[in-house]
């Protein structure tokens, strides 16, 4: 990236970064953690609550199914 100078230095730098990020010809590196225990705890305001609620609904559904199956086995 070219070194920018002048009054629009920050704006030009941001535009350069956006051009690189949104360029379909360019592939950006992907970073991920292989050991999740090394990650710092995350505050709730940074979590995707919709994903957490969907997982909770799925777990509740599984518990209801297991309870229903348990009741059927006991009644037989």
Protein backbone atom coordinates (compact mmCIF):
# COMPACT_ATOMS: atom_id res chain seq x y z
CA UNK A 1 0.00 0.00 0.00
CA UNK A 2 1.30 3.46 -0.78
CA UNK A 3 2.19 5.76 2.08
CA UNK A 4 -0.38 8.56 2.15
CA UNK A 5 0.28 12.17 3.06
CA UNK A 6 -1.78 15.30 3.33
CA UNK A 7 -5.12 16.26 4.83
CA UNK A 8 -7.02 13.22 3.47
CA UNK A 9 -4.39 10.74 4.68
CA UNK A 10 -6.74 8.68 6.86
CA UNK A 11 -9.56 8.63 4.31
CA UNK A 12 -7.24 7.52 1.51
CA UNK A 13 -5.74 4.79 3.71
CA UNK A 14 -9.19 3.47 4.63
CA UNK A 15 -10.19 3.50 0.95
CA UNK A 16 -7.04 1.52 0.08
CA UNK A 17 -7.82 -1.05 2.78
CA UNK A 18 -11.44 -1.40 1.63
CA UNK A 19 -10.34 -1.88 -1.98
CA UNK A 20 -8.06 -4.72 -0.87
CA UNK A 21 -10.68 -6.37 1.35
CA UNK A 22 -13.47 -6.25 -1.24
CA UNK A 23 -11.33 -7.23 -4.24
CA UNK A 24 -12.79 -10.55 -5.53
CA UNK A 25 -9.45 -11.52 -7.08
CA UNK A 26 -7.73 -11.44 -3.70
CA UNK A 27 -7.99 -14.08 -0.98
CA UNK A 28 -7.37 -12.93 2.55
CA UNK A 29 -5.85 -15.21 5.20
CA UNK A 30 -8.17 -16.91 7.68
CA UNK A 31 -7.17 -17.04 11.32
CA UNK A 32 -8.66 -19.43 13.86
CA UNK A 33 -7.83 -20.83 17.29
CA UNK A 34 -6.95 -24.50 17.57
CA UNK A 35 -7.00 -24.42 21.37
CA UNK A 36 -10.12 -22.58 22.58
CA UNK A 37 -8.96 -22.68 26.20
CA UNK A 38 -6.27 -20.12 25.33
CA UNK A 39 -8.82 -17.53 24.21
CA UNK A 40 -9.77 -14.82 26.71
CA UNK A 41 -13.32 -14.83 28.10
CA UNK A 42 -15.79 -12.88 25.98
CA UNK A 43 -18.30 -10.44 27.37
CA UNK A 44 -21.95 -11.12 26.56
CA UNK A 45 -22.23 -7.92 24.50
CA UNK A 46 -19.87 -9.44 21.91
CA UNK A 47 -21.78 -12.74 21.56
CA UNK A 48 -24.24 -13.64 18.82
CA UNK A 49 -27.31 -14.02 21.01
CA UNK A 50 -29.48 -15.29 18.16
CA UNK A 51 -27.14 -18.26 17.68
CA UNK A 52 -27.12 -18.95 21.43
CA UNK A 53 -30.94 -18.80 21.58
CA UNK A 54 -31.25 -21.13 18.57
CA UNK A 55 -28.93 -23.63 20.27
CA UNK A 56 -30.94 -23.34 23.49
CA UNK A 57 -34.19 -24.02 21.61
CA UNK A 58 -32.60 -27.06 19.98
CA UNK A 59 -31.44 -28.39 23.34
CA UNK A 60 -34.88 -27.84 24.88
CA UNK A 61 -36.46 -29.73 22.01
CA UNK A 62 -34.07 -32.64 22.50
CA UNK A 63 -34.83 -32.74 26.25
CA UNK A 64 -38.59 -32.81 25.52
CA UNK A 65 -38.10 -35.65 23.03
CA UNK A 66 -36.02 -37.63 25.51
CA UNK A 67 -38.61 -37.04 28.25
CA UNK A 68 -41.37 -38.26 25.91
CA UNK A 69 -39.36 -41.37 25.01
CA UNK A 70 -38.65 -42.00 28.68
CA UNK A 71 -42.37 -41.76 29.51
CA UNK A 72 -43.17 -44.25 26.72
CA UNK A 73 -40.57 -46.73 27.96
CA UNK A 74 -41.83 -46.48 31.55
CA UNK A 75 -45.47 -46.95 30.49
CA UNK A 76 -44.67 -50.18 28.59
